[in-house]
Amino acid sequence: MDTFLIETAWLDDNRHDPKVRVIDCSWYIPEAGKSALTEFRDAHIPGAGFFDLDAASDSGSPYVNMLPSGEQFEIVARTLGIDHDTLVVVYDSSYVSARVWWMFRLFGHDNVRILNGGWKRWKQEGRATESGDAKVRETGDFSARRPQAGVATWQDVLSATQGDSIAVVDARTKERFTGEMPSGYPGVAGGHMPGAANLSWGKMIPQSGDFTFVAPEKAAELFVEAGVDLTKPIITTCGSGVTAAILAFQLARLGKSDVTLYDGSWHEWGQRQDLPKESV
């Protein structure tokens, strides 16, 4: 079995296994004006649970989608019926799955995979769906560890931008990176960190065809084309720490372990008056 991805055919054959937990983690930025929970109730993979990214984020932070405490994440996972030995398969309708994959791994659960192609591929292939609320599962025994590494702070990013030993890669679209488009969050301007490279998440999951991740070899080519030196440690960033995980996921598939994700991302950096910003 692939240690990163699950294919739709495999999931269709194994989704009834009590040791497999499928979760829909769809989420949208405020600008989208859409409700992921409403869409889940309209249709989802049969037996799937709904992973509420907002409920699994730090509500006390002024920045969106910040990591919760281990205790908070543990409650979310247990409520979804996830045990210490559950194979967690995450999917969504756009670009969130890698963030949830990253969170599970960060809190010590390595038995997690992303559904390759997600909800769009599942529907495209005409596979079964159901509507309504998620079926309640017995509370799981998932236990979260304290994150050991993998998270970058604004101080780490600032230090990286002032030197040449660590690469910073931004997963937002070119227009948001340059500042031609707004950030997508009220009150947060567009732009980017000085010296950051731009590699849009959409190049890693082309929004055409079957919506699957590009192969690791292609991912490596894309990083190099964006000006990223893959021999250096890398910090990934984006608008709010979600699509940055797509780059981290692909780097993990390439075997890189010296990768951290800037959790605050542009939602934090763009609001701080003491941090340097560039736009084109």
Foldseek 3Di string as FASTA:
>chain_A
DDLAEDEPVVCLVCVVPLLEAEEEEADDFVLVVDDQQVVVQVKDAPQHAYQDQQQQADPPDPFPSHGDFQVSNLQSCQFSVHALRHQYEYAYDDFFRLVVQVNCVQQPRSNYYYHFLGPQLCVVVVHDMDHHHRDGDHGYHDGGDHGDDFEDEVVNVQVCLVDPQEAEEEQADPCQQQQVDALSHPPFGGFHAHRHFYQHLCVQQPPDDSRGGDDLVVLVVSCVVSVHDLVGQYEYAYSAQRSSSSNVSSNVNVVDPSYHYHRRHSSVQRPDPPGDTHHD
